[in-house]
Amino acid sequence: MLELNKENFKAEIEDHKGVAMVDFWASWCGPCQMATPIMEKVSQEMTGKAKFAKLNVDDNQELASRFGVMSIPTFVFFKDGQEVDRQIGLQGEEEIKANIEKLLE
């Protein structure tokens, strides 16, 4: 899965045409660790439909602050580079897929 940082965030997410989902996470966060295999599975199943990426909030505090991320994991959904939705806390595979499908309509 794509790892984001301040150097590539604009090119990968803000300039992306289509749907993207960013997982704001940290290595010490238990629910974040539980979300990783779910995210990997969904990203594989939805290859070509949406872009999936992770952003470590400890390494990228400026971006986490810019998006107002106060709790992790936070999943931020983008369409054509603009935030359109977000989910806070551990999400299941079906919830993530449903959010992506809704944005693809």
PDB file of N, CA and C in Angstrom:
ATOM      1  N   MET A   1       0.844  -1.180   0.000  1.00  0.00           N
ATOM      2  CA  MET A   1       0.000   0.000   0.000  1.00  0.00           C
ATOM      3  C   MET A   1       0.890   1.245   0.000  1.00  0.00           C
ATOM      4  N   LEU A   2       0.444   2.262  -0.682  1.00  0.00           N
ATOM      5  CA  LEU A   2       1.204   3.501  -0.827  1.00  0.00           C
ATOM      6  C   LEU A   2       1.391   4.189   0.523  1.00  0.00           C
ATOM      7  N   GLU A   3       2.633   4.559   0.845  1.00  0.00           N
ATOM      8  CA  GLU A   3       2.935   5.320   2.061  1.00  0.00           C
ATOM      9  C   GLU A   3       3.038   6.795   1.690  1.00  0.00           C
ATOM     10  N   LEU A   4       2.262   7.609   2.364  1.00  0.00           N
ATOM     11  CA  LEU A   4       2.262   9.046   2.072  1.00  0.00           C
ATOM     12  C   LEU A   4       3.148   9.810   3.043  1.00  0.00           C
ATOM     13  N   ASN A   5       3.628  10.966   2.556  1.00  0.00           N
ATOM     14  CA  ASN A   5       4.369  11.910   3.389  1.00  0.00           C
ATOM     15  C   ASN A   5       4.163  13.292   2.785  1.00  0.00           C
ATOM     16  N   LYS A   6       4.775  14.299   3.395  1.00  0.00           N
ATOM     17  CA  LYS A   6       4.545  15.662   2.891  1.00  0.00           C
ATOM     18  C   LYS A   6       5.094  15.862   1.487  1.00  0.00           C
ATOM     19  N   GLU A   7       6.076  15.052   1.095  1.00  0.00           N
ATOM     20  CA  GLU A   7       6.660  15.199  -0.238  1.00  0.00           C
ATOM     21  C   GLU A   7       5.740  14.670  -1.340  1.00  0.00           C
ATOM     22  N   ASN A   8       4.985  13.605  -1.064  1.00  0.00           N
ATOM     23  CA  ASN A   8       4.183  13.016  -2.136  1.00  0.00           C
ATOM     24  C   ASN A   8       2.672  13.184  -1.969  1.00  0.00           C
ATOM     25  N   PHE A   9       2.210  13.776  -0.879  1.00  0.00           N
ATOM     26  CA  PHE A   9       0.773  13.851  -0.614  1.00  0.00           C
ATOM     27  C   PHE A   9       0.026  14.608  -1.713  1.00  0.00           C
ATOM     28  N   LYS A  10       0.537  15.753  -2.106  1.00  0.00           N
ATOM     29  CA  LYS A  10      -0.154  16.550  -3.133  1.00  0.00           C
ATOM     30  C   LYS A  10      -0.269  15.768  -4.436  1.00  0.00           C
ATOM     31  N   ALA A  11       0.830  15.212  -4.897  1.00  0.00           N
ATOM     32  CA  ALA A  11       0.833  14.500  -6.179  1.00  0.00           C
ATOM     33  C   ALA A  11      -0.046  13.254  -6.134  1.00  0.00           C
ATOM     34  N   GLU A  12       0.002  12.516  -5.027  1.00  0.00           N
ATOM     35  CA  GLU A  12      -0.719  11.244  -4.948  1.00  0.00           C
ATOM     36  C   GLU A  12      -2.193  11.385  -4.597  1.00  0.00           C
ATOM     37  N   ILE A  13      -2.550  12.403  -3.808  1.00  0.00           N
ATOM     38  CA  ILE A  13      -3.939  12.523  -3.336  1.00  0.00           C
ATOM     39  C   ILE A  13      -4.623  13.776  -3.878  1.00  0.00           C
ATOM     40  N   GLU A  14      -4.043  14.937  -3.644  1.00  0.00           N
ATOM     41  CA  GLU A  14      -4.716  16.179  -4.039  1.00  0.00           C
ATOM     42  C   GLU A  14      -4.792  16.354  -5.547  1.00  0.00           C
ATOM     43  N   ASP A  15      -3.826  15.825  -6.289  1.00  0.00           N
ATOM     44  CA  ASP A  15      -3.853  15.930  -7.752  1.00  0.00           C
ATOM     45  C   ASP A  15      -4.482  14.701  -8.413  1.00  0.00           C
ATOM     46  N   HIS A  16      -4.911  13.728  -7.614  1.00  0.00           N
ATOM     47  CA  HIS A  16      -5.472  12.473  -8.147  1.00  0.00           C
ATOM     48  C   HIS A  16      -6.895  12.695  -8.642  1.00  0.00           C
ATOM     49  N   LYS A  17      -7.173  12.257  -9.846  1.00  0.00           N
ATOM     50  CA  LYS A  17      -8.532  12.290 -10.379  1.00  0.00           C
ATOM     51  C   LYS A  17      -9.171  10.947 -10.072  1.00  0.00           C
ATOM     52  N   GLY A  18     -10.241  10.973  -9.325  1.00  0.00           N
ATOM     53  CA  GLY A  18     -10.913   9.749  -8.930  1.00  0.00           C
ATOM     54  C   GLY A  18     -11.011   9.665  -7.415  1.00  0.00           C
ATOM     55  N   VAL A  19     -11.268   8.463  -6.925  1.00  0.00           N
ATOM     56  CA  VAL A  19     -11.486   8.228  -5.499  1.00  0.00           C
ATOM     57  C   VAL A  19     -10.194   7.747  -4.843  1.00  0.00           C
ATOM     58  N   ALA A  20      -9.930   8.279  -3.660  1.00  0.00           N
ATOM     59  CA  ALA A  20      -8.768   7.855  -2.870  1.00  0.00           C
ATOM     60  C   ALA A  20      -9.176   7.775  -1.407  1.00  0.00           C
ATOM     61  N   MET A  21      -8.544   6.860  -0.691  1.00  0.00           N
ATOM     62  CA  MET A  21      -8.787   6.719   0.741  1.00  0.00           C
ATOM     63  C   MET A  21      -7.441   6.735   1.455  1.00  0.00           C
ATOM     64  N   VAL A  22      -7.339   7.576   2.473  1.00  0.00           N
ATOM     65  CA  VAL A  22      -6.100   7.671   3.244  1.00  0.00           C
ATOM     66  C   VAL A  22      -6.369   7.214   4.672  1.00  0.00           C
ATOM     67  N   ASP A  23      -5.557   6.265   5.113  1.00  0.00           N
ATOM     68  CA  ASP A  23      -5.601   5.740   6.473  1.00  0.00           C
ATOM     69  C   ASP A  23      -4.573   6.505   7.300  1.00  0.00           C
ATOM     70  N   PHE A  24      -5.045   7.377   8.208  1.00  0.00           N
ATOM     71  CA  PHE A  24      -4.160   8.080   9.141  1.00  0.00           C
ATOM     72  C   PHE A  24      -3.962   7.142  10.328  1.00  0.00           C
ATOM     73  N   TRP A  25      -2.702   6.748  10.589  1.00  0.00           N
ATOM     74  CA  TRP A  25      -2.406   5.715  11.569  1.00  0.00           C
ATOM     75  C   TRP A  25      -1.111   5.991  12.307  1.00  0.00           C
ATOM     76  N   ALA A  26      -0.799   5.135  13.291  1.00  0.00           N
ATOM     77  CA  ALA A  26       0.496   5.164  13.992  1.00  0.00           C
ATOM     78  C   ALA A  26       0.852   3.743  14.394  1.00  0.00           C
ATOM     79  N   SER A  27       2.141   3.469  14.492  1.00  0.00           N
ATOM     80  CA  SER A  27       2.609   2.114  14.775  1.00  0.00           C
ATOM     81  C   SER A  27       2.216   1.633  16.173  1.00  0.00           C
ATOM     82  N   TRP A  28       2.025   2.539  17.122  1.00  0.00           N
ATOM     83  CA  TRP A  28       1.697   2.171  18.493  1.00  0.00           C
ATOM     84  C   TRP A  28       0.201   1.965  18.716  1.00  0.00           C
ATOM     85  N   CYS A  29      -0.607   2.204  17.697  1.00  0.00           N
ATOM     86  CA  CYS A  29      -2.074   2.172  17.811  1.00  0.00           C
ATOM     87  C   CYS A  29      -2.604   0.771  17.508  1.00  0.00           C
ATOM     88  N   GLY A  30      -3.180   0.113  18.510  1.00  0.00           N
ATOM     89  CA  GLY A  30      -3.710  -1.238  18.347  1.00  0.00           C
ATOM     90  C   GLY A  30      -4.777  -1.350  17.258  1.00  0.00           C
ATOM     91  N   PRO A  31      -5.831  -0.510  17.295  1.00  0.00           N
ATOM     92  CA  PRO A  31      -6.842  -0.577  16.235  1.00  0.00           C
ATOM     93  C   PRO A  31      -6.253  -0.311  14.843  1.00  0.00           C
ATOM     94  N   CYS A  32      -5.215   0.520  14.769  1.00  0.00           N
ATOM     95  CA  CYS A  32      -4.555   0.780  13.480  1.00  0.00           C
ATOM     96  C   CYS A  32      -3.917  -0.502  12.955  1.00  0.00           C
ATOM     97  N   GLN A  33      -3.283  -1.254  13.862  1.00  0.00           N
ATOM     98  CA  GLN A  33      -2.660  -2.512  13.462  1.00  0.00           C
ATOM     99  C   GLN A  33      -3.721  -3.506  12.981  1.00  0.00           C
ATOM    100  N   MET A  34      -4.884  -3.498  13.625  1.00  0.00           N
ATOM    101  CA  MET A  34      -5.972  -4.386  13.214  1.00  0.00           C
ATOM    102  C   MET A  34      -6.541  -3.971  11.854  1.00  0.00           C
ATOM    103  N   ALA A  35      -6.461  -2.688  11.542  1.00  0.00           N
ATOM    104  CA  ALA A  35      -7.003  -2.187  10.277  1.00  0.00           C
ATOM    105  C   ALA A  35      -6.118  -2.527   9.081  1.00  0.00           C
ATOM    106  N   THR A  36      -4.829  -2.736   9.316  1.00  0.00           N
ATOM    107  CA  THR A  36      -3.890  -2.957   8.210  1.00  0.00           C
ATOM    108  C   THR A  36      -4.283  -4.126   7.303  1.00  0.00           C
ATOM    109  N   PRO A  37      -4.555  -5.327   7.833  1.00  0.00           N
ATOM    110  CA  PRO A  37      -4.929  -6.409   6.915  1.00  0.00           C
ATOM    111  C   PRO A  37      -6.264  -6.154   6.204  1.00  0.00           C
ATOM    112  N   ILE A  38      -7.172  -5.463   6.860  1.00  0.00           N
ATOM    113  CA  ILE A  38      -8.456  -5.114   6.226  1.00  0.00           C
ATOM    114  C   ILE A  38      -8.203  -4.178   5.050  1.00  0.00           C
ATOM    115  N   MET A  39      -7.389  -3.162   5.284  1.00  0.00           N
ATOM    116  CA  MET A  39      -7.071  -2.195   4.226  1.00  0.00           C
ATOM    117  C   MET A  39      -6.365  -2.880   3.056  1.00  0.00           C
ATOM    118  N   GLU A  40      -5.429  -3.767   3.365  1.00  0.00           N
ATOM    119  CA  GLU A  40      -4.700  -4.455   2.300  1.00  0.00           C
ATOM    120  C   GLU A  40      -5.640  -5.307   1.455  1.00  0.00           C
ATOM    121  N   LYS A  41      -6.570  -5.995   2.106  1.00  0.00           N
ATOM    122  CA  LYS A  41      -7.521  -6.839   1.379  1.00  0.00           C
ATOM    123  C   LYS A  41      -8.426  -5.993   0.489  1.00  0.00           C
ATOM    124  N   VAL A  42      -8.989  -4.926   1.045  1.00  0.00           N
ATOM    125  CA  VAL A  42      -9.887  -4.065   0.275  1.00  0.00           C
ATOM    126  C   VAL A  42      -9.145  -3.416  -0.892  1.00  0.00           C
ATOM    127  N   SER A  43      -7.915  -2.973  -0.647  1.00  0.00           N
ATOM    128  CA  SER A  43      -7.161  -2.321  -1.725  1.00  0.00           C
ATOM    129  C   SER A  43      -6.876  -3.300  -2.864  1.00  0.00           C
ATOM    130  N   GLN A  44      -6.624  -4.563  -2.538  1.00  0.00           N
ATOM    131  CA  GLN A  44      -6.394  -5.568  -3.579  1.00  0.00           C
ATOM    132  C   GLN A  44      -7.679  -5.853  -4.348  1.00  0.00           C
ATOM    133  N   GLU A  45      -8.792  -5.970  -3.627  1.00  0.00           N
ATOM    134  CA  GLU A  45     -10.075  -6.266  -4.261  1.00  0.00           C
ATOM    135  C   GLU A  45     -10.570  -5.110  -5.135  1.00  0.00           C
ATOM    136  N   MET A  46     -10.183  -3.895  -4.785  1.00  0.00           N
ATOM    137  CA  MET A  46     -10.686  -2.721  -5.502  1.00  0.00           C
ATOM    138  C   MET A  46      -9.610  -2.047  -6.356  1.00  0.00           C
ATOM    139  N   THR A  47      -8.585  -2.800  -6.712  1.00  0.00           N
ATOM    140  CA  THR A  47      -7.524  -2.267  -7.571  1.00  0.00           C
ATOM    141  C   THR A  47      -8.139  -1.718  -8.852  1.00  0.00           C
ATOM    142  N   GLY A  48      -7.728  -0.514  -9.211  1.00  0.00           N
ATOM    143  CA  GLY A  48      -8.235   0.103 -10.434  1.00  0.00           C
ATOM    144  C   GLY A  48      -9.484   0.941 -10.219  1.00  0.00           C
ATOM    145  N   LYS A  49     -10.142   0.755  -9.072  1.00  0.00           N
ATOM    146  CA  LYS A  49     -11.351   1.537  -8.782  1.00  0.00           C
ATOM    147  C   LYS A  49     -11.028   2.754  -7.919  1.00  0.00           C
ATOM    148  N   ALA A  50     -10.085   2.573  -6.989  1.00  0.00           N
ATOM    149  CA  ALA A  50      -9.738   3.644  -6.054  1.00  0.00           C
ATOM    150  C   ALA A  50      -8.281   3.492  -5.636  1.00  0.00           C
ATOM    151  N   LYS A  51      -7.731   4.581  -5.136  1.00  0.00           N
ATOM    152  CA  LYS A  51      -6.351   4.576  -4.627  1.00  0.00           C
ATOM    153  C   LYS A  51      -6.419   4.469  -3.107  1.00  0.00           C
ATOM    154  N   PHE A  52      -5.568   3.621  -2.540  1.00  0.00           N
ATOM    155  CA  PHE A  52      -5.512   3.420  -1.095  1.00  0.00           C
ATOM    156  C   PHE A  52      -4.114   3.765  -0.608  1.00  0.00           C
ATOM    157  N   ALA A  53      -4.054   4.529   0.497  1.00  0.00           N
ATOM    158  CA  ALA A  53      -2.757   4.960   1.011  1.00  0.00           C
ATOM    159  C   ALA A  53      -2.810   5.067   2.529  1.00  0.00           C
ATOM    160  N   LYS A  54      -1.605   5.065   3.131  1.00  0.00           N
ATOM    161  CA  LYS A  54      -1.470   5.208   4.576  1.00  0.00           C
ATOM    162  C   LYS A  54      -0.592   6.423   4.868  1.00  0.00           C
ATOM    163  N   LEU A  55      -0.917   7.087   5.979  1.00  0.00           N
ATOM    164  CA  LEU A  55      -0.109   8.219   6.406  1.00  0.00           C
ATOM    165  C   LEU A  55       0.163   8.073   7.901  1.00  0.00           C
ATOM    166  N   ASN A  56       1.432   7.903   8.253  1.00  0.00           N
ATOM    167  CA  ASN A  56       1.826   7.769   9.654  1.00  0.00           C
ATOM    168  C   ASN A  56       1.770   9.151  10.309  1.00  0.00           C
ATOM    169  N   VAL A  57       0.876   9.302  11.306  1.00  0.00           N
ATOM    170  CA  VAL A  57       0.679  10.617  11.923  1.00  0.00           C
ATOM    171  C   VAL A  57       1.885  11.051  12.753  1.00  0.00           C
ATOM    172  N   ASP A  58       2.653  10.101  13.282  1.00  0.00           N
ATOM    173  CA  ASP A  58       3.848  10.463  14.056  1.00  0.00           C
ATOM    174  C   ASP A  58       4.921  11.069  13.152  1.00  0.00           C
ATOM    175  N   ASP A  59       5.046  10.537  11.943  1.00  0.00           N
ATOM    176  CA  ASP A  59       6.054  11.021  11.009  1.00  0.00           C
ATOM    177  C   ASP A  59       5.574  12.213  10.188  1.00  0.00           C
ATOM    178  N   ASN A  60       4.271  12.485  10.205  1.00  0.00           N
ATOM    179  CA  ASN A  60       3.678  13.532   9.361  1.00  0.00           C
ATOM    180  C   ASN A  60       2.664  14.348  10.149  1.00  0.00           C
ATOM    181  N   GLN A  61       3.128  14.906  11.267  1.00  0.00           N
ATOM    182  CA  GLN A  61       2.221  15.634  12.167  1.00  0.00           C
ATOM    183  C   GLN A  61       1.593  16.852  11.496  1.00  0.00           C
ATOM    184  N   GLU A  62       2.321  17.487  10.587  1.00  0.00           N
ATOM    185  CA  GLU A  62       1.801  18.663   9.897  1.00  0.00           C
ATOM    186  C   GLU A  62       0.560  18.312   9.064  1.00  0.00           C
ATOM    187  N   LEU A  63       0.624  17.205   8.319  1.00  0.00           N
ATOM    188  CA  LEU A  63      -0.523  16.784   7.513  1.00  0.00           C
ATOM    189  C   LEU A  63      -1.677  16.319   8.399  1.00  0.00           C
ATOM    190  N   ALA A  64      -1.384  15.586   9.461  1.00  0.00           N
ATOM    191  CA  ALA A  64      -2.436  15.139  10.374  1.00  0.00           C
ATOM    192  C   ALA A  64      -3.154  16.342  10.969  1.00  0.00           C
ATOM    193  N   SER A  65      -2.398  17.349  11.342  1.00  0.00           N
ATOM    194  CA  SER A  65      -2.984  18.566  11.894  1.00  0.00           C
ATOM    195  C   SER A  65      -3.808  19.305  10.846  1.00  0.00           C
ATOM    196  N   ARG A  66      -3.288  19.407   9.639  1.00  0.00           N
ATOM    197  CA  ARG A  66      -3.988  20.100   8.547  1.00  0.00           C
ATOM    198  C   ARG A  66      -5.365  19.491   8.282  1.00  0.00           C
ATOM    199  N   PHE A  67      -5.458  18.155   8.434  1.00  0.00           N
ATOM    200  CA  PHE A  67      -6.737  17.486   8.204  1.00  0.00           C
ATOM    201  C   PHE A  67      -7.534  17.284   9.499  1.00  0.00           C
ATOM    202  N   GLY A  68      -7.066  17.854  10.594  1.00  0.00           N
ATOM    203  CA  GLY A  68      -7.809  17.805  11.848  1.00  0.00           C
ATOM    204  C   GLY A  68      -7.963  16.404  12.418  1.00  0.00           C
ATOM    205  N   VAL A  69      -6.971  15.559  12.210  1.00  0.00           N
ATOM    206  CA  VAL A  69      -7.034  14.187  12.719  1.00  0.00           C
ATOM    207  C   VAL A  69      -6.687  14.212  14.204  1.00  0.00           C
ATOM    208  N   MET A  70      -7.678  13.881  15.031  1.00  0.00           N
ATOM    209  CA  MET A  70      -7.502  13.897  16.480  1.00  0.00           C
ATOM    210  C   MET A  70      -7.469  12.494  17.070  1.00  0.00           C
ATOM    211  N   SER A  71      -8.090  11.542  16.379  1.00  0.00           N
ATOM    212  CA  SER A  71      -8.129  10.147  16.820  1.00  0.00           C
ATOM    213  C   SER A  71      -7.694   9.274  15.657  1.00  0.00           C
ATOM    214  N   ILE A  72      -7.057   8.155  16.001  1.00  0.00           N
ATOM    215  CA  ILE A  72      -6.659   7.227  14.945  1.00  0.00           C
ATOM    216  C   ILE A  72      -7.147   5.831  15.307  1.00  0.00           C
ATOM    217  N   PRO A  73      -7.424   4.996  14.322  1.00  0.00           N
ATOM    218  CA  PRO A  73      -7.310   5.323  12.906  1.00  0.00           C
ATOM    219  C   PRO A  73      -8.437   6.249  12.439  1.00  0.00           C
ATOM    220  N   THR A  74      -8.091   7.112  11.498  1.00  0.00           N
ATOM    221  CA  THR A  74      -9.070   7.937  10.795  1.00  0.00           C
ATOM    222  C   THR A  74      -8.896   7.652   9.316  1.00  0.00           C
ATOM    223  N   PHE A  75      -9.997   7.336   8.666  1.00  0.00           N
ATOM    224  CA  PHE A  75      -9.995   7.057   7.231  1.00  0.00           C
ATOM    225  C   PHE A  75     -10.634   8.244   6.530  1.00  0.00           C
ATOM    226  N   VAL A  76      -9.863   8.923   5.688  1.00  0.00           N
ATOM    227  CA  VAL A  76     -10.365  10.099   4.975  1.00  0.00           C
ATOM    228  C   VAL A  76     -10.532   9.723   3.507  1.00  0.00           C
ATOM    229  N   PHE A  77     -11.718   9.996   2.997  1.00  0.00           N
ATOM    230  CA  PHE A  77     -12.060   9.654   1.614  1.00  0.00           C
ATOM    231  C   PHE A  77     -12.002  10.920   0.764  1.00  0.00           C
ATOM    232  N   PHE A  78     -11.339  10.822  -0.375  1.00  0.00           N
ATOM    233  CA  PHE A  78     -11.177  11.948  -1.290  1.00  0.00           C
ATOM    234  C   PHE A  78     -11.793  11.600  -2.641  1.00  0.00           C
ATOM    235  N   LYS A  79     -12.338  12.616  -3.298  1.00  0.00           N
ATOM    236  CA  LYS A  79     -12.788  12.457  -4.680  1.00  0.00           C
ATOM    237  C   LYS A  79     -12.231  13.644  -5.446  1.00  0.00           C
ATOM    238  N   ASP A  80     -11.474  13.351  -6.485  1.00  0.00           N
ATOM    239  CA  ASP A  80     -10.817  14.391  -7.283  1.00  0.00           C
ATOM    240  C   ASP A  80     -10.048  15.379  -6.416  1.00  0.00           C
ATOM    241  N   GLY A  81      -9.343  14.844  -5.412  1.00  0.00           N
ATOM    242  CA  GLY A  81      -8.459  15.650  -4.575  1.00  0.00           C
ATOM    243  C   GLY A  81      -9.117  16.388  -3.426  1.00  0.00           C
ATOM    244  N   GLN A  82     -10.437  16.273  -3.286  1.00  0.00           N
ATOM    245  CA  GLN A  82     -11.152  16.972  -2.217  1.00  0.00           C
ATOM    246  C   GLN A  82     -11.692  15.967  -1.202  1.00  0.00           C
ATOM    247  N   GLU A  83     -11.561  16.296   0.089  1.00  0.00           N
ATOM    248  CA  GLU A  83     -12.138  15.422   1.115  1.00  0.00           C
ATOM    249  C   GLU A  83     -13.655  15.434   0.992  1.00  0.00           C
ATOM    250  N   VAL A  84     -14.247  14.247   0.949  1.00  0.00           N
ATOM    251  CA  VAL A  84     -15.701  14.146   0.834  1.00  0.00           C
ATOM    252  C   VAL A  84     -16.332  13.374   1.996  1.00  0.00           C
ATOM    253  N   ASP A  85     -15.526  12.639   2.754  1.00  0.00           N
ATOM    254  CA  ASP A  85     -16.073  11.858   3.863  1.00  0.00           C
ATOM    255  C   ASP A  85     -14.920  11.421   4.754  1.00  0.00           C
ATOM    256  N   ARG A  86     -15.270  11.015   5.982  1.00  0.00           N
ATOM    257  CA  ARG A  86     -14.262  10.425   6.871  1.00  0.00           C
ATOM    258  C   ARG A  86     -14.942   9.506   7.862  1.00  0.00           C
ATOM    259  N   GLN A  87     -14.198   8.504   8.276  1.00  0.00           N
ATOM    260  CA  GLN A  87     -14.652   7.548   9.282  1.00  0.00           C
ATOM    261  C   GLN A  87     -13.574   7.496  10.355  1.00  0.00           C
ATOM    262  N   ILE A  88     -13.998   7.573  11.613  1.00  0.00           N
ATOM    263  CA  ILE A  88     -13.046   7.542  12.722  1.00  0.00           C
ATOM    264  C   ILE A  88     -13.227   6.229  13.472  1.00  0.00           C
ATOM    265  N   GLY A  89     -12.118   5.569  13.750  1.00  0.00           N
ATOM    266  CA  GLY A  89     -12.146   4.296  14.452  1.00  0.00           C
ATOM    267  C   GLY A  89     -12.062   3.134  13.473  1.00  0.00           C
ATOM    268  N   LEU A  90     -11.845   1.957  14.010  1.00  0.00           N
ATOM    269  CA  LEU A  90     -11.690   0.760  13.201  1.00  0.00           C
ATOM    270  C   LEU A  90     -12.945   0.508  12.380  1.00  0.00           C
ATOM    271  N   GLN A  91     -12.769   0.297  11.084  1.00  0.00           N
ATOM    272  CA  GLN A  91     -13.877   0.023  10.169  1.00  0.00           C
ATOM    273  C   GLN A  91     -13.711  -1.377   9.602  1.00  0.00           C
ATOM    274  N   GLY A  92     -14.820  -2.028   9.360  1.00  0.00           N
ATOM    275  CA  GLY A  92     -14.793  -3.347   8.760  1.00  0.00           C
ATOM    276  C   GLY A  92     -14.667  -3.256   7.250  1.00  0.00           C
ATOM    277  N   GLU A  93     -14.352  -4.382   6.669  1.00  0.00           N
ATOM    278  CA  GLU A  93     -14.174  -4.466   5.221  1.00  0.00           C
ATOM    279  C   GLU A  93     -15.415  -3.988   4.457  1.00  0.00           C
ATOM    280  N   GLU A  94     -16.588  -4.417   4.894  1.00  0.00           N
ATOM    281  CA  GLU A  94     -17.827  -4.053   4.181  1.00  0.00           C
ATOM    282  C   GLU A  94     -18.109  -2.558   4.263  1.00  0.00           C
ATOM    283  N   GLU A  95     -17.843  -1.940   5.411  1.00  0.00           N
ATOM    284  CA  GLU A  95     -18.077  -0.498   5.555  1.00  0.00           C
ATOM    285  C   GLU A  95     -17.162   0.300   4.632  1.00  0.00           C
ATOM    286  N   ILE A  96     -15.905  -0.109   4.567  1.00  0.00           N
ATOM    287  CA  ILE A  96     -14.948   0.592   3.712  1.00  0.00           C
ATOM    288  C   ILE A  96     -15.362   0.452   2.247  1.00  0.00           C
ATOM    289  N   LYS A  97     -15.696  -0.769   1.845  1.00  0.00           N
ATOM    290  CA  LYS A  97     -16.109  -0.990   0.458  1.00  0.00           C
ATOM    291  C   LYS A  97     -17.360  -0.191   0.120  1.00  0.00           C
ATOM    292  N   ALA A  98     -18.311  -0.142   1.041  1.00  0.00           N
ATOM    293  CA  ALA A  98     -19.553   0.595   0.808  1.00  0.00           C
ATOM    294  C   ALA A  98     -19.270   2.088   0.603  1.00  0.00           C
ATOM    295  N   ASN A  99     -18.356   2.641   1.419  1.00  0.00           N
ATOM    296  CA  ASN A  99     -17.999   4.065   1.266  1.00  0.00           C
ATOM    297  C   ASN A  99     -17.362   4.327  -0.094  1.00  0.00           C
ATOM    298  N   ILE A 100     -16.471   3.446  -0.506  1.00  0.00           N
ATOM    299  CA  ILE A 100     -15.803   3.610  -1.806  1.00  0.00           C
ATOM    300  C   ILE A 100     -16.827   3.498  -2.940  1.00  0.00           C
ATOM    301  N   GLU A 101     -17.688   2.471  -2.879  1.00  0.00           N
ATOM    302  CA  GLU A 101     -18.691   2.269  -3.930  1.00  0.00           C
ATOM    303  C   GLU A 101     -19.607   3.477  -4.066  1.00  0.00           C
ATOM    304  N   LYS A 102     -19.994   4.066  -2.921  1.00  0.00           N
ATOM    305  CA  LYS A 102     -20.855   5.253  -2.932  1.00  0.00           C
ATOM    306  C   LYS A 102     -20.173   6.407  -3.677  1.00  0.00           C
ATOM    307  N   LEU A 103     -18.876   6.555  -3.475  1.00  0.00           N
ATOM    308  CA  LEU A 103     -18.148   7.646  -4.133  1.00  0.00           C
ATOM    309  C   LEU A 103     -17.912   7.378  -5.611  1.00  0.00           C
ATOM    310  N   LEU A 104     -17.960   6.118  -6.018  1.00  0.00           N
ATOM    311  CA  LEU A 104     -17.739   5.772  -7.412  1.00  0.00           C
ATOM    312  C   LEU A 104     -18.979   5.995  -8.277  1.00  0.00           C
ATOM    313  N   GLU A 105     -20.138   6.174  -7.630  1.00  0.00           N
ATOM    314  CA  GLU A 105     -21.389   6.350  -8.382  1.00  0.00           C
ATOM    315  C   GLU A 105     -21.420   7.650  -9.166  1.00  0.00           C
TER     316      GLU A 105
END
